[in-house]
PDB file of N, CA and C in Angstrom:
ATOM      1  N   MET A   1     149.716 118.096 170.996  1.00  0.00           N
ATOM      2  CA  MET A   1     149.450 118.002 169.643  1.00  0.00           C
ATOM      3  C   MET A   1     149.982 117.038 168.804  1.00  0.00           C
ATOM      4  N   GLU A   2     151.046 116.486 169.223  1.00  0.00           N
ATOM      5  CA  GLU A   2     151.624 115.517 168.584  1.00  0.00           C
ATOM      6  C   GLU A   2     150.893 113.984 168.612  1.00  0.00           C
ATOM      7  N   VAL A   3     150.609 114.134 169.863  1.00  0.00           N
ATOM      8  CA  VAL A   3     149.641 113.045 170.181  1.00  0.00           C
ATOM      9  C   VAL A   3     148.169 112.848 169.721  1.00  0.00           C
ATOM     10  N   HIS A   4     147.718 114.051 169.382  1.00  0.00           N
ATOM     11  CA  HIS A   4     146.426 114.294 168.613  1.00  0.00           C
ATOM     12  C   HIS A   4     146.780 113.793 167.048  1.00  0.00           C
ATOM     13  N   LYS A   5     147.935 114.367 166.443  1.00  0.00           N
ATOM     14  CA  LYS A   5     148.183 114.102 165.178  1.00  0.00           C
ATOM     15  C   LYS A   5     148.302 112.584 165.006  1.00  0.00           C
ATOM     16  N   ALA A   6     148.990 111.999 166.007  1.00  0.00           N
ATOM     17  CA  ALA A   6     149.265 110.694 165.663  1.00  0.00           C
ATOM     18  C   ALA A   6     147.848 109.647 166.006  1.00  0.00           C
ATOM     19  N   ALA A   7     147.060 110.103 166.860  1.00  0.00           N
ATOM     20  CA  ALA A   7     145.732 109.556 166.784  1.00  0.00           C
ATOM     21  C   ALA A   7     144.928 109.628 165.647  1.00  0.00           C
ATOM     22  N   LEU A   8     145.061 110.634 165.086  1.00  0.00           N
ATOM     23  CA  LEU A   8     144.218 111.140 163.561  1.00  0.00           C
ATOM     24  C   LEU A   8     144.869 110.306 162.481  1.00  0.00           C
ATOM     25  N   SER A   9     146.014 110.225 162.412  1.00  0.00           N
ATOM     26  CA  SER A   9     146.696 109.182 161.447  1.00  0.00           C
ATOM     27  C   SER A   9     146.483 108.049 161.676  1.00  0.00           C
ATOM     28  N   GLU A  10     146.519 107.315 162.862  1.00  0.00           N
ATOM     29  CA  GLU A  10     146.331 105.971 163.127  1.00  0.00           C
ATOM     30  C   GLU A  10     144.614 105.684 162.981  1.00  0.00           C
ATOM     31  N   GLU A  11     143.741 106.636 163.186  1.00  0.00           N
ATOM     32  CA  GLU A  11     142.422 106.824 162.551  1.00  0.00           C
ATOM     33  C   GLU A  11     142.411 106.514 161.334  1.00  0.00           C
ATOM     34  N   LEU A  12     142.919 107.244 160.293  1.00  0.00           N
ATOM     35  CA  LEU A  12     142.747 107.385 159.013  1.00  0.00           C
ATOM     36  C   LEU A  12     143.390 106.242 158.439  1.00  0.00           C
ATOM     37  N   ASP A  13     144.700 105.686 158.802  1.00  0.00           N
ATOM     38  CA  ASP A  13     145.237 104.610 158.451  1.00  0.00           C
ATOM     39  C   ASP A  13     144.147 103.361 158.505  1.00  0.00           C
ATOM     40  N   GLY A  14     143.334 103.323 159.855  1.00  0.00           N
ATOM     41  CA  GLY A  14     142.119 102.334 159.962  1.00  0.00           C
ATOM     42  C   GLY A  14     141.337 102.429 159.065  1.00  0.00           C
ATOM     43  N   PHE A  15     140.716 103.542 158.763  1.00  0.00           N
ATOM     44  CA  PHE A  15     139.848 103.877 157.967  1.00  0.00           C
ATOM     45  C   PHE A  15     140.220 103.503 156.401  1.00  0.00           C
ATOM     46  N   ARG A  16     141.372 103.947 156.074  1.00  0.00           N
ATOM     47  CA  ARG A  16     141.821 103.800 154.695  1.00  0.00           C
ATOM     48  C   ARG A  16     141.891 102.054 154.518  1.00  0.00           C
ATOM     49  N   LYS A  17     142.528 101.350 155.505  1.00  0.00           N
ATOM     50  CA  LYS A  17     142.446  99.632 155.377  1.00  0.00           C
ATOM     51  C   LYS A  17     141.029  99.116 155.416  1.00  0.00           C
ATOM     52  N   GLU A  18     140.120 100.000 155.889  1.00  0.00           N
ATOM     53  CA  GLU A  18     138.727  99.453 156.133  1.00  0.00           C
ATOM     54  C   GLU A  18     138.299  99.623 154.486  1.00  0.00           C
ATOM     55  N   VAL A  19     138.696 100.789 153.967  1.00  0.00           N
ATOM     56  CA  VAL A  19     138.029 101.063 152.568  1.00  0.00           C
ATOM     57  C   VAL A  19     138.816 100.191 151.534  1.00  0.00           C
ATOM     58  N   GLN A  20     140.044  99.967 151.758  1.00  0.00           N
ATOM     59  CA  GLN A  20     140.564  99.134 150.757  1.00  0.00           C
ATOM     60  C   GLN A  20     140.084  97.594 150.669  1.00  0.00           C
ATOM     61  N   ASN A  21     139.884  97.286 152.038  1.00  0.00           N
ATOM     62  CA  ASN A  21     139.089  95.854 152.196  1.00  0.00           C
ATOM     63  C   ASN A  21     137.767  95.911 151.446  1.00  0.00           C
ATOM     64  N   GLN A  22     137.102  96.802 151.608  1.00  0.00           N
ATOM     65  CA  GLN A  22     135.876  96.983 151.184  1.00  0.00           C
ATOM     66  C   GLN A  22     135.868  96.976 149.459  1.00  0.00           C
ATOM     67  N   ASN A  23     136.657  97.737 149.101  1.00  0.00           N
ATOM     68  CA  ASN A  23     137.051  97.829 147.432  1.00  0.00           C
ATOM     69  C   ASN A  23     137.143  96.493 147.071  1.00  0.00           C
ATOM     70  N   ALA A  24     138.171  96.007 147.759  1.00  0.00           N
ATOM     71  CA  ALA A  24     138.642  94.564 147.517  1.00  0.00           C
ATOM     72  C   ALA A  24     137.655  93.398 147.407  1.00  0.00           C
ATOM     73  N   ALA A  25     136.536  93.383 148.363  1.00  0.00           N
ATOM     74  CA  ALA A  25     135.409  92.656 148.238  1.00  0.00           C
ATOM     75  C   ALA A  25     134.447  93.037 147.226  1.00  0.00           C
ATOM     76  N   LEU A  26     134.238  94.274 146.971  1.00  0.00           N
ATOM     77  CA  LEU A  26     133.523  94.632 145.896  1.00  0.00           C
ATOM     78  C   LEU A  26     134.071  94.412 144.699  1.00  0.00           C
ATOM     79  N   SER A  27     135.163  94.573 144.566  1.00  0.00           N
ATOM     80  CA  SER A  27     135.920  94.169 143.069  1.00  0.00           C
ATOM     81  C   SER A  27     135.838  92.688 142.889  1.00  0.00           C
ATOM     82  N   ASN A  28     135.989  91.632 143.974  1.00  0.00           N
ATOM     83  CA  ASN A  28     135.630  90.402 143.877  1.00  0.00           C
ATOM     84  C   ASN A  28     134.397  90.017 143.610  1.00  0.00           C
ATOM     85  N   ASP A  29     133.357  90.412 144.069  1.00  0.00           N
ATOM     86  CA  ASP A  29     132.047  90.605 143.896  1.00  0.00           C
ATOM     87  C   ASP A  29     131.619  90.931 142.423  1.00  0.00           C
ATOM     88  N   LEU A  30     132.137  91.870 141.942  1.00  0.00           N
ATOM     89  CA  LEU A  30     131.996  92.384 140.714  1.00  0.00           C
ATOM     90  C   LEU A  30     132.672  91.190 139.583  1.00  0.00           C
ATOM     91  N   MET A  31     133.485  90.890 139.986  1.00  0.00           N
ATOM     92  CA  MET A  31     134.237  89.886 139.104  1.00  0.00           C
ATOM     93  C   MET A  31     133.321  88.482 139.017  1.00  0.00           C
ATOM     94  N   GLU A  32     133.053  88.180 140.003  1.00  0.00           N
ATOM     95  CA  GLU A  32     132.103  86.845 140.251  1.00  0.00           C
ATOM     96  C   GLU A  32     130.815  87.280 139.582  1.00  0.00           C
ATOM     97  N   PHE A  33     129.988  88.309 139.562  1.00  0.00           N
ATOM     98  CA  PHE A  33     129.045  88.912 138.782  1.00  0.00           C
ATOM     99  C   PHE A  33     129.224  88.725 137.263  1.00  0.00           C
ATOM    100  N   ARG A  34     130.368  89.283 136.950  1.00  0.00           N
ATOM    101  CA  ARG A  34     130.621  89.538 135.478  1.00  0.00           C
ATOM    102  C   ARG A  34     130.899  87.896 134.801  1.00  0.00           C
ATOM    103  N   VAL A  35     131.489  86.856 135.800  1.00  0.00           N
ATOM    104  CA  VAL A  35     131.936  85.724 135.076  1.00  0.00           C
ATOM    105  C   VAL A  35     130.473  84.996 135.241  1.00  0.00           C
ATOM    106  N   GLN A  36     129.616  85.138 136.248  1.00  0.00           N
ATOM    107  CA  GLN A  36     128.242  84.564 136.149  1.00  0.00           C
ATOM    108  C   GLN A  36     127.501  85.122 135.005  1.00  0.00           C
ATOM    109  N   ALA A  37     127.357  86.190 134.693  1.00  0.00           N
ATOM    110  CA  ALA A  37     126.809  87.245 133.589  1.00  0.00           C
ATOM    111  C   ALA A  37     127.271  86.496 132.408  1.00  0.00           C
ATOM    112  N   GLN A  38     128.412  86.159 132.126  1.00  0.00           N
ATOM    113  CA  GLN A  38     129.229  85.595 131.022  1.00  0.00           C
ATOM    114  C   GLN A  38     128.501  84.212 130.654  1.00  0.00           C
ATOM    115  N   GLU A  39     128.492  83.497 131.721  1.00  0.00           N
ATOM    116  CA  GLU A  39     128.073  82.037 131.646  1.00  0.00           C
ATOM    117  C   GLU A  39     126.660  82.242 131.234  1.00  0.00           C
ATOM    118  N   ASN A  40     125.693  82.843 132.054  1.00  0.00           N
ATOM    119  CA  ASN A  40     124.312  83.063 131.638  1.00  0.00           C
ATOM    120  C   ASN A  40     124.226  83.521 130.069  1.00  0.00           C
ATOM    121  N   TYR A  41     125.027  84.407 129.688  1.00  0.00           N
ATOM    122  CA  TYR A  41     124.798  84.965 128.314  1.00  0.00           C
ATOM    123  C   TYR A  41     125.231  83.752 127.200  1.00  0.00           C
ATOM    124  N   ASN A  42     126.136  82.870 127.819  1.00  0.00           N
ATOM    125  CA  ASN A  42     126.683  81.790 126.715  1.00  0.00           C
ATOM    126  C   ASN A  42     125.451  80.633 126.779  1.00  0.00           C
ATOM    127  N   THR A  43     124.981  80.391 128.038  1.00  0.00           N
ATOM    128  CA  THR A  43     124.155  79.382 128.125  1.00  0.00           C
ATOM    129  C   THR A  43     122.645  79.897 127.209  1.00  0.00           C
ATOM    130  N   LEU A  44     122.264  81.146 127.436  1.00  0.00           N
ATOM    131  CA  LEU A  44     121.267  81.663 126.599  1.00  0.00           C
ATOM    132  C   LEU A  44     121.367  81.596 125.118  1.00  0.00           C
ATOM    133  N   THR A  45     122.925  81.871 124.669  1.00  0.00           N
ATOM    134  CA  THR A  45     123.100  81.899 123.369  1.00  0.00           C
ATOM    135  C   THR A  45     122.695  80.618 122.842  1.00  0.00           C
ATOM    136  N   THR A  46     123.336  79.560 123.423  1.00  0.00           N
ATOM    137  CA  THR A  46     123.277  78.089 122.917  1.00  0.00           C
ATOM    138  C   THR A  46     122.003  77.616 123.129  1.00  0.00           C
ATOM    139  N   GLN A  47     121.102  78.021 124.047  1.00  0.00           N
ATOM    140  CA  GLN A  47     119.651  77.467 123.957  1.00  0.00           C
ATOM    141  C   GLN A  47     119.038  78.092 122.843  1.00  0.00           C
ATOM    142  N   LEU A  48     119.157  79.560 122.526  1.00  0.00           N
ATOM    143  CA  LEU A  48     118.550  80.171 121.401  1.00  0.00           C
ATOM    144  C   LEU A  48     118.950  79.630 120.062  1.00  0.00           C
ATOM    145  N   SER A  49     120.254  79.243 120.090  1.00  0.00           N
ATOM    146  CA  SER A  49     120.811  78.661 118.761  1.00  0.00           C
ATOM    147  C   SER A  49     119.896  77.386 118.718  1.00  0.00           C
ATOM    148  N   GLU A  50     119.885  76.374 119.714  1.00  0.00           N
ATOM    149  CA  GLU A  50     119.363  75.215 119.856  1.00  0.00           C
ATOM    150  C   GLU A  50     117.853  75.320 119.082  1.00  0.00           C
ATOM    151  N   LEU A  51     117.320  76.450 119.695  1.00  0.00           N
ATOM    152  CA  LEU A  51     115.691  76.513 119.436  1.00  0.00           C
ATOM    153  C   LEU A  51     115.545  76.861 118.041  1.00  0.00           C
ATOM    154  N   VAL A  52     116.353  77.924 117.662  1.00  0.00           N
ATOM    155  CA  VAL A  52     116.172  78.257 116.004  1.00  0.00           C
ATOM    156  C   VAL A  52     116.437  77.129 115.200  1.00  0.00           C
ATOM    157  N   ASP A  53     117.678  76.282 115.637  1.00  0.00           N
ATOM    158  CA  ASP A  53     117.573  74.995 114.735  1.00  0.00           C
ATOM    159  C   ASP A  53     116.668  74.146 114.923  1.00  0.00           C
ATOM    160  N   TYR A  54     115.827  74.136 116.098  1.00  0.00           N
ATOM    161  CA  TYR A  54     114.857  73.008 116.045  1.00  0.00           C
ATOM    162  C   TYR A  54     113.700  73.679 115.462  1.00  0.00           C
ATOM    163  N   ILE A  55     113.410  74.982 115.353  1.00  0.00           N
ATOM    164  CA  ILE A  55     112.466  75.486 114.609  1.00  0.00           C
ATOM    165  C   ILE A  55     112.577  75.290 113.109  1.00  0.00           C
ATOM    166  N   ASN A  56     113.949  75.584 112.688  1.00  0.00           N
ATOM    167  CA  ASN A  56     114.228  75.674 111.218  1.00  0.00           C
ATOM    168  C   ASN A  56     113.969  73.894 111.034  1.00  0.00           C
ATOM    169  N   ARG A  57     114.246  72.943 111.681  1.00  0.00           N
ATOM    170  CA  ARG A  57     114.376  71.582 111.318  1.00  0.00           C
ATOM    171  C   ARG A  57     112.836  71.232 111.177  1.00  0.00           C
ATOM    172  N   GLY A  58     112.031  71.748 112.113  1.00  0.00           N
ATOM    173  CA  GLY A  58     110.609  71.490 112.271  1.00  0.00           C
ATOM    174  C   GLY A  58     109.943  72.088 111.095  1.00  0.00           C
ATOM    175  N   GLY A  59     110.243  73.242 110.445  1.00  0.00           N
ATOM    176  CA  GLY A  59     109.750  73.913 109.277  1.00  0.00           C
ATOM    177  C   GLY A  59     110.141  73.128 107.868  1.00  0.00           C
ATOM    178  N   ASP A  60     111.304  72.539 107.886  1.00  0.00           N
ATOM    179  CA  ASP A  60     111.940  71.716 106.906  1.00  0.00           C
ATOM    180  C   ASP A  60     111.079  70.420 106.703  1.00  0.00           C
ATOM    181  N   SER A  61     110.857  69.934 107.867  1.00  0.00           N
ATOM    182  CA  SER A  61     110.199  68.705 108.061  1.00  0.00           C
ATOM    183  C   SER A  61     108.552  68.820 107.479  1.00  0.00           C
ATOM    184  N   LYS A  62     108.003  69.958 107.949  1.00  0.00           N
ATOM    185  CA  LYS A  62     106.615  70.244 107.566  1.00  0.00           C
ATOM    186  C   LYS A  62     106.711  70.625 106.056  1.00  0.00           C
ATOM    187  N   LYS A  63     107.831  71.249 105.349  1.00  0.00           N
ATOM    188  CA  LYS A  63     107.918  71.373 103.972  1.00  0.00           C
ATOM    189  C   LYS A  63     107.628  70.046 103.350  1.00  0.00           C
ATOM    190  N   GLU A  64     108.449  69.004 103.889  1.00  0.00           N
ATOM    191  CA  GLU A  64     108.635  67.767 103.288  1.00  0.00           C
ATOM    192  C   GLU A  64     107.224  67.093 103.554  1.00  0.00           C
ATOM    193  N   GLU A  65     106.459  67.222 104.578  1.00  0.00           N
ATOM    194  CA  GLU A  65     104.902  66.895 104.620  1.00  0.00           C
ATOM    195  C   GLU A  65     104.230  67.394 103.882  1.00  0.00           C
ATOM    196  N   ILE A  66     104.338  68.562 103.458  1.00  0.00           N
ATOM    197  CA  ILE A  66     103.413  69.251 102.405  1.00  0.00           C
ATOM    198  C   ILE A  66     103.814  68.875 101.117  1.00  0.00           C
ATOM    199  N   LYS A  67     105.069  68.539 100.699  1.00  0.00           N
ATOM    200  CA  LYS A  67     105.439  68.234  99.294  1.00  0.00           C
ATOM    201  C   LYS A  67     104.737  66.574  99.480  1.00  0.00           C
ATOM    202  N   SER A  68     104.975  65.840 100.355  1.00  0.00           N
ATOM    203  CA  SER A  68     104.559  64.382 100.372  1.00  0.00           C
ATOM    204  C   SER A  68     102.988  64.633 100.288  1.00  0.00           C
ATOM    205  N   SER A  69     102.218  65.373 101.100  1.00  0.00           N
ATOM    206  CA  SER A  69     100.856  65.374 100.942  1.00  0.00           C
ATOM    207  C   SER A  69     100.444  65.719  99.769  1.00  0.00           C
ATOM    208  N   SER A  70     101.057  66.613  99.101  1.00  0.00           N
ATOM    209  CA  SER A  70     100.452  67.227  97.753  1.00  0.00           C
ATOM    210  C   SER A  70     100.455  65.914  96.690  1.00  0.00           C
ATOM    211  N   ARG A  71     101.181  64.856  96.921  1.00  0.00           N
ATOM    212  CA  ARG A  71     101.369  63.742  96.132  1.00  0.00           C
ATOM    213  C   ARG A  71     100.098  62.756  96.304  1.00  0.00           C
ATOM    214  N   ARG A  72      99.388  63.027  97.595  1.00  0.00           N
ATOM    215  CA  ARG A  72      98.427  61.999  98.018  1.00  0.00           C
ATOM    216  C   ARG A  72      97.081  62.780  97.448  1.00  0.00           C
ATOM    217  N   PRO A  73      96.227  61.787  97.380  1.00  0.00           N
ATOM    218  CA  PRO A  73      94.637  62.445  96.876  1.00  0.00           C
ATOM    219  C   PRO A  73      94.423  62.834  98.216  1.00  0.00           C
ATOM    220  N   PRO A  74      93.279  64.020  97.821  1.00  0.00           N
ATOM    221  CA  PRO A  74      92.848  64.665  98.884  1.00  0.00           C
ATOM    222  C   PRO A  74      91.947  63.792  99.687  1.00  0.00           C
ATOM    223  N   PRO A  75      91.619  64.191 101.046  1.00  0.00           N
ATOM    224  CA  PRO A  75      91.001  63.673 101.974  1.00  0.00           C
ATOM    225  C   PRO A  75      89.552  63.258 101.482  1.00  0.00           C
ATOM    226  N   PRO A  76      88.919  62.204 101.900  1.00  0.00           N
ATOM    227  CA  PRO A  76      87.586  61.551 101.024  1.00  0.00           C
ATOM    228  C   PRO A  76      86.587  62.780 101.013  1.00  0.00           C
ATOM    229  N   HIS A  77      86.427  63.420 102.132  1.00  0.00           N
ATOM    230  CA  HIS A  77      85.354  64.436 102.267  1.00  0.00           C
ATOM    231  C   HIS A  77      85.356  65.461 101.280  1.00  0.00           C
ATOM    232  N   ASP A  78      86.525  65.906 100.796  1.00  0.00           N
ATOM    233  CA  ASP A  78      86.891  66.982  99.976  1.00  0.00           C
ATOM    234  C   ASP A  78      86.504  66.433  98.317  1.00  0.00           C
ATOM    235  N   GLN A  79      86.531  65.179  98.277  1.00  0.00           N
ATOM    236  CA  GLN A  79      86.375  64.600  96.896  1.00  0.00           C
ATOM    237  C   GLN A  79      84.924  64.547  96.479  1.00  0.00           C
ATOM    238  N   THR A  80      84.064  64.641  97.519  1.00  0.00           N
ATOM    239  CA  THR A  80      82.503  64.617  97.234  1.00  0.00           C
ATOM    240  C   THR A  80      81.950  66.070  97.293  1.00  0.00           C
ATOM    241  N   ILE A  81      82.675  67.090  97.513  1.00  0.00           N
ATOM    242  CA  ILE A  81      82.266  68.536  97.563  1.00  0.00           C
ATOM    243  C   ILE A  81      82.771  69.252  96.541  1.00  0.00           C
ATOM    244  N   PRO A  82      81.982  69.800  95.802  1.00  0.00           N
ATOM    245  CA  PRO A  82      82.399  70.589  94.525  1.00  0.00           C
ATOM    246  C   PRO A  82      83.179  71.589  94.870  1.00  0.00           C
ATOM    247  N   GLY A  83      84.334  71.979  94.280  1.00  0.00           N
ATOM    248  CA  GLY A  83      85.136  73.132  94.539  1.00  0.00           C
ATOM    249  C   GLY A  83      86.088  72.847  95.798  1.00  0.00           C
ATOM    250  N   GLY A  84      86.355  71.649  96.176  1.00  0.00           N
ATOM    251  CA  GLY A  84      87.259  71.281  96.921  1.00  0.00           C
ATOM    252  C   GLY A  84      86.853  71.397  98.488  1.00  0.00           C
ATOM    253  N   GLY A  85      85.469  71.451  98.587  1.00  0.00           N
ATOM    254  CA  GLY A  85      85.321  71.735 100.073  1.00  0.00           C
ATOM    255  C   GLY A  85      85.229  72.955 100.657  1.00  0.00           C
ATOM    256  N   GLY A  86      85.383  73.430 101.933  1.00  0.00           N
ATOM    257  CA  GLY A  86      85.100  74.453 102.515  1.00  0.00           C
ATOM    258  C   GLY A  86      83.543  75.038 102.992  1.00  0.00           C
ATOM    259  N   GLY A  87      83.115  73.746 103.094  1.00  0.00           N
ATOM    260  CA  GLY A  87      81.460  73.735 103.502  1.00  0.00           C
ATOM    261  C   GLY A  87      81.558  74.126 105.006  1.00  0.00           C
ATOM    262  N   SER A  88      82.506  73.879 105.765  1.00  0.00           N
ATOM    263  CA  SER A  88      82.271  73.934 107.265  1.00  0.00           C
ATOM    264  C   SER A  88      82.508  75.414 107.748  1.00  0.00           C
ATOM    265  N   ARG A  89      81.796  75.614 108.582  1.00  0.00           N
ATOM    266  CA  ARG A  89      81.497  77.141 109.209  1.00  0.00           C
ATOM    267  C   ARG A  89      82.726  77.570 109.819  1.00  0.00           C
ATOM    268  N   SER A  90      83.527  76.559 110.408  1.00  0.00           N
ATOM    269  CA  SER A  90      84.598  76.852 111.214  1.00  0.00           C
ATOM    270  C   SER A  90      85.957  77.185 110.305  1.00  0.00           C
ATOM    271  N   GLU A  91      85.886  76.752 109.103  1.00  0.00           N
ATOM    272  CA  GLU A  91      86.888  76.804 107.897  1.00  0.00           C
ATOM    273  C   GLU A  91      86.418  78.378 107.285  1.00  0.00           C
ATOM    274  N   PRO A  92      87.639  78.986 107.004  1.00  0.00           N
ATOM    275  CA  PRO A  92      87.360  80.453 106.505  1.00  0.00           C
ATOM    276  C   PRO A  92      87.134  80.043 105.005  1.00  0.00           C
ATOM    277  N   SER A  93      86.108  80.683 104.244  1.00  0.00           N
ATOM    278  CA  SER A  93      85.843  80.711 102.795  1.00  0.00           C
ATOM    279  C   SER A  93      86.228  81.601 102.125  1.00  0.00           C
ATOM    280  N   MET A  94      86.733  81.392 100.978  1.00  0.00           N
ATOM    281  CA  MET A  94      87.269  82.140  99.962  1.00  0.00           C
ATOM    282  C   MET A  94      86.132  82.731  99.276  1.00  0.00           C
ATOM    283  N   LYS A  95      86.408  84.124  99.018  1.00  0.00           N
ATOM    284  CA  LYS A  95      85.448  84.791  98.327  1.00  0.00           C
ATOM    285  C   LYS A  95      85.714  84.822  96.947  1.00  0.00           C
ATOM    286  N   ARG A  96      84.551  84.822  96.459  1.00  0.00           N
ATOM    287  CA  ARG A  96      84.264  84.614  94.635  1.00  0.00           C
ATOM    288  C   ARG A  96      84.665  85.948  94.015  1.00  0.00           C
ATOM    289  N   GLY A  97      85.433  85.642  92.990  1.00  0.00           N
ATOM    290  CA  GLY A  97      85.905  86.835  92.347  1.00  0.00           C
ATOM    291  C   GLY A  97      86.834  87.519  92.987  1.00  0.00           C
ATOM    292  N   SER A  98      87.665  87.060  94.143  1.00  0.00           N
ATOM    293  CA  SER A  98      88.695  88.037  94.849  1.00  0.00           C
ATOM    294  C   SER A  98      89.958  88.196  94.029  1.00  0.00           C
ATOM    295  N   GLY A  99      90.107  87.687  92.828  1.00  0.00           N
ATOM    296  CA  GLY A  99      91.335  87.660  91.928  1.00  0.00           C
ATOM    297  C   GLY A  99      92.265  86.949  92.520  1.00  0.00           C
ATOM    298  N   SER A 100      92.359  86.340  93.707  1.00  0.00           N
ATOM    299  CA  SER A 100      93.384  85.267  93.964  1.00  0.00           C
ATOM    300  C   SER A 100      92.955  83.958  93.836  1.00  0.00           C
ATOM    301  N   SER A 101      93.434  83.156  92.696  1.00  0.00           N
ATOM    302  CA  SER A 101      93.305  81.929  92.310  1.00  0.00           C
ATOM    303  C   SER A 101      94.585  81.059  92.744  1.00  0.00           C
ATOM    304  N   LEU A 102      94.198  80.137  93.512  1.00  0.00           N
ATOM    305  CA  LEU A 102      95.278  79.156  93.764  1.00  0.00           C
ATOM    306  C   LEU A 102      95.358  78.061  92.727  1.00  0.00           C
ATOM    307  N   SER A 103      96.806  77.964  92.613  1.00  0.00           N
ATOM    308  CA  SER A 103      97.066  76.691  91.562  1.00  0.00           C
ATOM    309  C   SER A 103      96.595  75.128  92.078  1.00  0.00           C
ATOM    310  N   GLY A 104      96.449  74.445  91.399  1.00  0.00           N
ATOM    311  CA  GLY A 104      96.308  73.209  91.777  1.00  0.00           C
ATOM    312  C   GLY A 104      97.178  72.608  92.833  1.00  0.00           C
ATOM    313  N   ARG A 105      98.459  72.897  92.988  1.00  0.00           N
ATOM    314  CA  ARG A 105      99.404  72.566  93.922  1.00  0.00           C
ATOM    315  C   ARG A 105      99.166  73.409  95.160  1.00  0.00           C
ATOM    316  N   GLY A 106      98.900  74.456  95.200  1.00  0.00           N
ATOM    317  CA  GLY A 106      98.317  75.526  96.247  1.00  0.00           C
ATOM    318  C   GLY A 106      97.301  75.089  97.006  1.00  0.00           C
ATOM    319  N   ARG A 107      96.383  74.648  96.186  1.00  0.00           N
ATOM    320  CA  ARG A 107      95.183  74.183  96.921  1.00  0.00           C
ATOM    321  C   ARG A 107      95.262  72.775  97.752  1.00  0.00           C
ATOM    322  N   SER A 108      95.999  71.787  97.038  1.00  0.00           N
ATOM    323  CA  SER A 108      96.287  70.834  97.766  1.00  0.00           C
ATOM    324  C   SER A 108      97.283  70.888  99.075  1.00  0.00           C
ATOM    325  N   ARG A 109      98.181  72.045  98.974  1.00  0.00           N
ATOM    326  CA  ARG A 109      98.844  72.420 100.293  1.00  0.00           C
ATOM    327  C   ARG A 109      97.918  72.819 101.264  1.00  0.00           C
ATOM    328  N   GLN A 110      97.064  73.692 100.763  1.00  0.00           N
ATOM    329  CA  GLN A 110      95.881  73.916 102.039  1.00  0.00           C
ATOM    330  C   GLN A 110      95.319  73.020 102.429  1.00  0.00           C
ATOM    331  N   ARG A 111      94.635  72.178 101.640  1.00  0.00           N
ATOM    332  CA  ARG A 111      94.089  70.839 102.408  1.00  0.00           C
ATOM    333  C   ARG A 111      94.871  70.045 103.253  1.00  0.00           C
ATOM    334  N   GLY A 112      96.336  70.068 102.639  1.00  0.00           N
ATOM    335  CA  GLY A 112      97.294  69.053 103.389  1.00  0.00           C
ATOM    336  C   GLY A 112      97.516  69.597 104.879  1.00  0.00           C
ATOM    337  N   PHE A 113      97.667  70.958 104.817  1.00  0.00           N
ATOM    338  CA  PHE A 113      97.708  71.877 106.026  1.00  0.00           C
ATOM    339  C   PHE A 113      96.499  71.273 106.935  1.00  0.00           C
ATOM    340  N   ARG A 114      95.147  71.614 106.555  1.00  0.00           N
ATOM    341  CA  ARG A 114      94.142  71.361 107.514  1.00  0.00           C
ATOM    342  C   ARG A 114      93.974  69.883 107.629  1.00  0.00           C
ATOM    343  N   TYR A 115      94.412  69.005 106.898  1.00  0.00           N
ATOM    344  CA  TYR A 115      94.104  67.598 107.111  1.00  0.00           C
ATOM    345  C   TYR A 115      95.061  67.172 108.306  1.00  0.00           C
ATOM    346  N   TRP A 116      96.316  67.722 108.453  1.00  0.00           N
ATOM    347  CA  TRP A 116      97.425  67.315 109.381  1.00  0.00           C
ATOM    348  C   TRP A 116      97.066  68.144 110.605  1.00  0.00           C
ATOM    349  N   ILE A 117      96.581  69.237 110.502  1.00  0.00           N
ATOM    350  CA  ILE A 117      96.381  70.001 111.821  1.00  0.00           C
ATOM    351  C   ILE A 117      95.082  69.539 112.499  1.00  0.00           C
ATOM    352  N   THR A 118      94.128  69.627 111.577  1.00  0.00           N
ATOM    353  CA  THR A 118      92.634  69.221 112.253  1.00  0.00           C
ATOM    354  C   THR A 118      92.020  67.759 112.147  1.00  0.00           C
ATOM    355  N   GLY A 119      92.904  67.224 111.112  1.00  0.00           N
ATOM    356  CA  GLY A 119      92.355  65.883 110.974  1.00  0.00           C
ATOM    357  C   GLY A 119      91.246  65.601 110.123  1.00  0.00           C
ATOM    358  N   GLU A 120      90.682  66.644 109.514  1.00  0.00           N
ATOM    359  CA  GLU A 120      89.744  66.530 108.439  1.00  0.00           C
ATOM    360  C   GLU A 120      89.928  66.386 107.072  1.00  0.00           C
TER     361      GLU A 120
END
C-alpha cells in the first residue's frame, strides 16, 4: 500500500509540474498577446489620428479654394446662360419656387465646386 501511495504521489507531482509548465506557457503567451494587442491599438490610434488630421486639413484647404474661387469670375459657359447655368442634364436642376434661394456667394460656391470637380 505504501508503494502504491508513493507511485500515486509521484504521478501527481509529475502531473502538477506539467500543469504548472502549461500554465506558465499560457501566461507567457497571454502576456505577449496583450503586448501585441496594445501595440496594434497604439498604431491604429496614431493612424486614425493622422487620417482625421489629413481629412481636416483637406477640408480647410477646400474651404480656402472655395473662398478664393468665389472671388474669381464664374467659368465662361455660366456667363452666357441666363440664371447661372444648370442646362446640363447631368447636373441637378433647382426647382422654381422651392423657397430656397441662394445668395450670390452661395451660388458662386456651388459653381466653384462643380468647376473644381468636373472641370466644367
